[in-house]
Amino acid sequence: MKYSAEEYRQINEFDYFAGGVPAGVIFQQNIEKLKRIVAAPNIKPAEVCLVGLVSYFEAFFKDHFAAIVNIQPKIVENLKKAGLNTDVDVLDIVSLGDRSEIRLGSLLAEKYDFGTAKRINSIYQSLLKITPFSKDEISQFDQLLNDRNLIVHHGGIFTLKYVKQKFGSKTGDAFDNSLDVTPETFWLALLFCETIVEKTITSTKKSLEIYISKNDVVQSEANKQALGLLDLWIDETWLDESNDDEYV
């Protein structure tokens, strides 16, 4: 599908992002709410906030992937070469109308599983030859996921599977004890997630710029501006001064 000059002018740099906001910024805005809850006096629902944190973290990788492909659809060829399914339902494309060409990444993101560090690494390696998680970070996120799943599916009560994974042969705690999620647990998990997100938006933008340069890709002005926003990370001072109703 080709745009007329008028239609190109109607597309702005924010149209390439889910919700009209770069994924890193959405992640920051969402976790700011969690930080305020955990820091509130006499209210310590840390385990609920931990679940929210992991959910927002997973959503970041899906939204960021979508934005990369929305900005540069040609890069889908890398996914195809890596053996990933790049088929998209033509009816879905038609339903998006004149924005379908900048929504390819959003459609593909719905097809892929971003639920574990290994899967995220595999997708991003196929897309841009980068891996957001190191070997140690994979193990750390796996444990964070185990804790999250224990809370969501078992109310935090230790299961035999969880105890075996976390403590090895020590299985006596199964079904008799529960996960203790303190505010400190949340803050440490938050630091881990923020570090990975910052690293990811920086490395993916650099890799995408290299891809565009090597392949002599022609970009529209809005496309160039969207690429510039890909690694946007808002100063925390601004977030502290923002009101909740300004959040996405």
Protein backbone atom coordinates (compact mmCIF):
# COMPACT_ATOMS: atom_id res chain seq x y z
CA MET A 1 0.00 0.00 0.00
CA LYS A 2 1.36 3.44 -0.97
CA TYR A 3 0.51 6.70 0.73
CA SER A 4 -0.20 9.94 -1.07
CA ALA A 5 1.78 13.01 -0.03
CA GLU A 6 -1.22 14.15 2.01
CA GLU A 7 -1.51 10.83 3.83
CA TYR A 8 2.19 10.86 4.66
CA ARG A 9 1.76 14.23 6.34
CA GLN A 10 -0.99 12.80 8.49
CA ILE A 11 1.32 10.16 9.93
CA ASN A 12 3.42 11.40 12.81
CA GLU A 13 6.29 9.83 14.71
CA PHE A 14 4.06 8.58 17.54
CA ASP A 15 1.86 6.52 15.22
CA TYR A 16 4.54 3.82 15.10
CA PHE A 17 4.20 3.04 18.81
CA ALA A 18 1.56 1.11 20.74
CA GLY A 19 -0.63 3.66 22.49
CA GLY A 20 1.26 6.40 20.70
CA VAL A 21 4.10 6.25 23.25
CA PRO A 22 7.57 4.61 23.04
CA ALA A 23 7.66 1.31 24.93
CA GLY A 24 10.34 2.43 27.37
CA VAL A 25 8.26 5.42 28.41
CA ILE A 26 5.10 3.32 28.86
CA PHE A 27 7.10 0.97 31.08
CA GLN A 28 8.39 3.90 33.15
CA GLN A 29 4.94 5.40 33.55
CA ASN A 30 3.41 2.10 34.62
CA ILE A 31 6.07 1.23 37.17
CA GLU A 32 5.89 4.74 38.61
CA LYS A 33 2.41 3.84 39.84
CA LEU A 34 3.74 0.65 41.44
CA LYS A 35 6.60 2.52 43.09
CA ARG A 36 4.17 4.96 44.70
CA ILE A 37 2.03 2.13 46.04
CA VAL A 38 4.94 0.23 47.57
CA ALA A 39 6.40 3.42 49.06
CA ALA A 40 3.09 4.46 50.62
CA PRO A 41 3.05 4.34 54.46
CA ASN A 42 1.13 1.52 56.13
CA ILE A 43 0.26 -0.05 52.77
CA LYS A 44 2.56 -2.82 51.64
CA PRO A 45 0.91 -4.92 48.88
CA ALA A 46 4.36 -5.72 47.54
CA GLU A 47 3.43 -9.11 46.09
CA VAL A 48 0.63 -7.61 43.99
CA CYS A 49 3.02 -4.93 42.73
CA LEU A 50 5.59 -7.61 41.89
CA VAL A 51 3.02 -9.32 39.69
CA GLY A 52 2.29 -5.99 37.99
CA LEU A 53 5.98 -5.31 37.47
CA VAL A 54 6.55 -8.62 35.67
CA SER A 55 3.48 -8.02 33.51
CA TYR A 56 4.65 -4.55 32.48
CA PHE A 57 8.14 -5.93 31.84
CA GLU A 58 6.83 -8.57 29.45
CA ALA A 59 4.60 -6.00 27.75
CA PHE A 60 7.63 -3.78 27.16
CA PHE A 61 9.39 -6.41 25.04
CA LYS A 62 6.26 -7.02 22.98
CA ASP A 63 5.56 -3.30 22.43
CA HIS A 64 9.21 -2.50 21.70
CA PHE A 65 9.45 -5.32 19.17
CA ALA A 66 6.27 -4.05 17.51
CA ALA A 67 7.66 -0.52 17.26
CA ILE A 68 10.91 -1.69 15.67
CA VAL A 69 9.07 -3.54 12.91
CA ASN A 70 6.49 -0.77 12.52
CA ILE A 71 9.34 1.68 11.95
CA GLN A 72 11.21 -0.60 9.58
CA PRO A 73 8.96 -3.33 8.05
CA LYS A 74 11.75 -4.53 5.74
CA ILE A 75 13.49 -6.01 8.78
CA VAL A 76 10.89 -8.79 8.78
CA GLU A 77 13.22 -10.50 6.32
CA ASN A 78 15.52 -11.23 9.27
CA LEU A 79 12.70 -13.00 11.09
CA LYS A 80 11.87 -15.01 7.99
CA LYS A 81 15.50 -16.08 7.53
CA ALA A 82 15.60 -17.19 11.16
CA GLY A 83 12.61 -19.46 10.61
CA LEU A 84 9.99 -17.45 12.49
CA ASN A 85 6.44 -17.40 11.20
CA THR A 86 5.85 -14.05 9.52
CA ASP A 87 2.42 -14.82 8.05
CA VAL A 88 -0.22 -12.16 8.70
CA ASP A 89 -3.95 -12.54 8.04
CA VAL A 90 -4.88 -10.33 5.10
CA LEU A 91 -8.23 -9.53 6.77
CA ASP A 92 -6.33 -8.08 9.73
CA ILE A 93 -4.36 -5.88 7.35
CA VAL A 94 -7.53 -4.70 5.62
CA SER A 95 -9.18 -3.95 8.96
CA LEU A 96 -6.37 -1.53 9.86
CA GLY A 97 -7.06 0.57 6.78
CA ASP A 98 -4.56 3.27 5.83
CA ARG A 99 -2.38 2.56 8.88
CA SER A 100 -1.72 -1.09 8.03
CA GLU A 101 1.76 -0.39 6.65
CA ILE A 102 2.91 0.98 10.01
CA ARG A 103 1.20 -1.75 12.05
CA LEU A 104 2.97 -4.85 10.73
CA GLY A 105 5.04 -5.13 13.89
CA SER A 106 1.96 -4.84 16.06
CA LEU A 107 0.32 -7.71 14.18
CA LEU A 108 3.42 -9.91 14.41
CA ALA A 109 3.91 -9.17 18.11
CA GLU A 110 0.54 -10.77 18.82
CA LYS A 111 1.77 -14.01 17.25
CA TYR A 112 4.97 -14.40 19.30
CA ASP A 113 5.53 -15.56 22.87
CA PHE A 114 7.52 -13.07 24.96
CA GLY A 115 6.90 -14.96 28.19
CA THR A 116 10.47 -15.98 29.10
CA ALA A 117 13.95 -14.50 28.81
CA LYS A 118 15.04 -17.28 26.43
CA ARG A 119 12.11 -16.63 24.10
CA ILE A 120 12.71 -12.89 24.20
CA ASN A 121 16.38 -13.42 23.42
CA SER A 122 15.51 -15.72 20.54
CA ILE A 123 13.11 -13.21 18.97
CA TYR A 124 15.42 -10.23 19.35
CA GLN A 125 18.41 -12.23 18.15
CA SER A 126 16.46 -13.12 15.01
CA LEU A 127 15.33 -9.53 14.54
CA LEU A 128 18.46 -7.49 15.24
CA LYS A 129 21.20 -9.89 16.34
CA ILE A 130 21.04 -8.68 19.95
CA THR A 131 20.08 -10.49 23.16
CA PRO A 132 18.52 -8.41 25.97
CA PHE A 133 19.43 -10.98 28.67
CA SER A 134 22.84 -12.36 29.59
CA LYS A 135 23.10 -15.94 30.88
CA ASP A 136 22.97 -14.79 34.51
CA GLU A 137 20.09 -12.43 33.77
CA ILE A 138 18.13 -15.29 32.21
CA SER A 139 18.42 -17.24 35.47
CA GLN A 140 17.43 -14.18 37.49
CA PHE A 141 14.36 -13.52 35.37
CA ASP A 142 13.38 -17.20 35.45
CA GLN A 143 13.28 -17.02 39.24
CA LEU A 144 11.30 -13.80 39.12
CA LEU A 145 8.81 -15.50 36.79
CA ASN A 146 8.58 -18.49 39.12
CA ASP A 147 7.75 -16.16 42.00
CA ARG A 148 5.18 -14.32 39.90
CA ASN A 149 3.52 -17.56 38.78
CA LEU A 150 3.45 -18.88 42.34
CA ILE A 151 1.57 -15.77 43.46
CA VAL A 152 -0.85 -15.75 40.52
CA HIS A 153 -1.62 -19.46 40.35
CA HIS A 154 -1.11 -20.64 43.93
CA GLY A 155 -1.61 -17.57 46.10
CA GLY A 156 2.08 -17.65 47.01
CA ILE A 157 1.86 -21.04 48.76
CA PHE A 158 4.92 -23.19 48.01
CA THR A 159 4.25 -26.06 45.63
CA LEU A 160 6.47 -29.11 45.32
CA LYS A 161 7.59 -28.00 41.85
CA TYR A 162 8.48 -24.52 43.09
CA VAL A 163 10.44 -25.81 46.07
CA LYS A 164 12.40 -28.26 43.92
CA GLN A 165 13.29 -25.52 41.45
CA LYS A 166 14.32 -23.02 44.11
CA PHE A 167 15.75 -25.17 46.88
CA GLY A 168 16.70 -28.41 45.15
CA SER A 169 16.20 -31.50 47.29
CA LYS A 170 14.75 -29.59 50.24
CA THR A 171 11.07 -30.33 49.75
CA GLY A 172 9.77 -30.17 53.30
CA ASP A 173 8.52 -26.60 52.85
CA ALA A 174 6.10 -27.57 50.08
CA PHE A 175 2.45 -26.76 50.86
CA ASP A 176 3.33 -25.53 54.38
CA ASN A 177 5.02 -22.20 53.69
CA SER A 178 4.49 -19.23 51.42
CA LEU A 179 6.52 -16.70 49.50
CA ASP A 180 7.46 -13.63 51.51
CA VAL A 181 7.47 -10.64 49.17
CA THR A 182 8.73 -7.56 50.97
CA PRO A 183 9.10 -4.01 49.65
CA GLU A 184 12.83 -4.75 49.35
CA THR A 185 12.02 -7.73 47.14
CA PHE A 186 10.05 -5.43 44.87
CA TRP A 187 12.76 -2.73 44.72
CA LEU A 188 15.45 -5.25 43.79
CA ALA A 189 13.24 -6.73 41.06
CA LEU A 190 12.45 -3.24 39.80
CA LEU A 191 16.13 -2.34 39.54
CA PHE A 192 16.76 -5.51 37.57
CA CYS A 193 13.91 -4.81 35.13
CA GLU A 194 14.81 -1.16 34.64
CA THR A 195 18.41 -2.09 33.87
CA ILE A 196 17.33 -4.59 31.21
CA VAL A 197 14.87 -2.16 29.63
CA GLU A 198 17.43 0.66 29.39
CA LYS A 199 20.01 -1.71 27.92
CA THR A 200 17.51 -3.05 25.39
CA ILE A 201 16.26 0.28 24.05
CA THR A 202 19.82 1.52 23.60
CA SER A 203 21.15 -1.57 21.83
CA THR A 204 18.11 -2.05 19.58
CA LYS A 205 18.14 1.54 18.36
CA LYS A 206 21.83 1.29 17.50
CA SER A 207 21.34 -2.03 15.71
CA LEU A 208 18.34 -0.73 13.76
CA GLU A 209 20.28 2.34 12.64
CA ILE A 210 23.07 0.05 11.39
CA TYR A 211 20.53 -2.10 9.53
CA ILE A 212 18.96 0.94 7.85
CA SER A 213 22.34 2.29 6.82
CA LYS A 214 23.63 -1.00 5.43
CA ASN A 215 20.46 -1.60 3.43
CA ASP A 216 20.12 1.98 2.14
CA VAL A 217 16.55 2.15 3.41
CA VAL A 218 14.61 5.27 2.41
CA GLN A 219 12.70 6.76 5.32
CA SER A 220 9.94 9.32 5.59
CA GLU A 221 10.42 12.23 7.97
CA ALA A 222 7.95 10.75 10.47
CA ASN A 223 9.77 7.43 10.22
CA LYS A 224 13.11 9.09 11.02
CA GLN A 225 11.62 10.91 13.98
CA ALA A 226 10.08 7.68 15.30
CA LEU A 227 13.48 6.02 15.12
CA GLY A 228 14.86 8.88 17.19
CA LEU A 229 12.24 8.19 19.88
CA LEU A 230 12.92 4.46 20.06
CA ASP A 231 15.30 4.77 23.02
CA LEU A 232 13.45 7.58 24.77
CA TRP A 233 13.83 7.37 28.55
CA ILE A 234 12.08 10.06 30.59
CA ASP A 235 13.94 11.83 33.37
CA GLU A 236 12.64 10.61 36.75
CA THR A 237 12.21 14.20 37.92
CA TRP A 238 9.51 14.65 35.30
CA LEU A 239 7.82 11.43 36.37
CA ASP A 240 7.85 12.49 40.02
CA GLU A 241 6.13 15.76 39.12
CA SER A 242 3.53 14.17 36.83
CA ASN A 243 -0.03 13.44 37.88
CA ASP A 244 -1.52 9.96 37.65
CA ASP A 245 -4.12 11.11 35.13
CA GLU A 246 -1.32 11.92 32.72
CA TYR A 247 -0.20 8.34 32.54
CA VAL A 248 -0.93 6.18 29.55
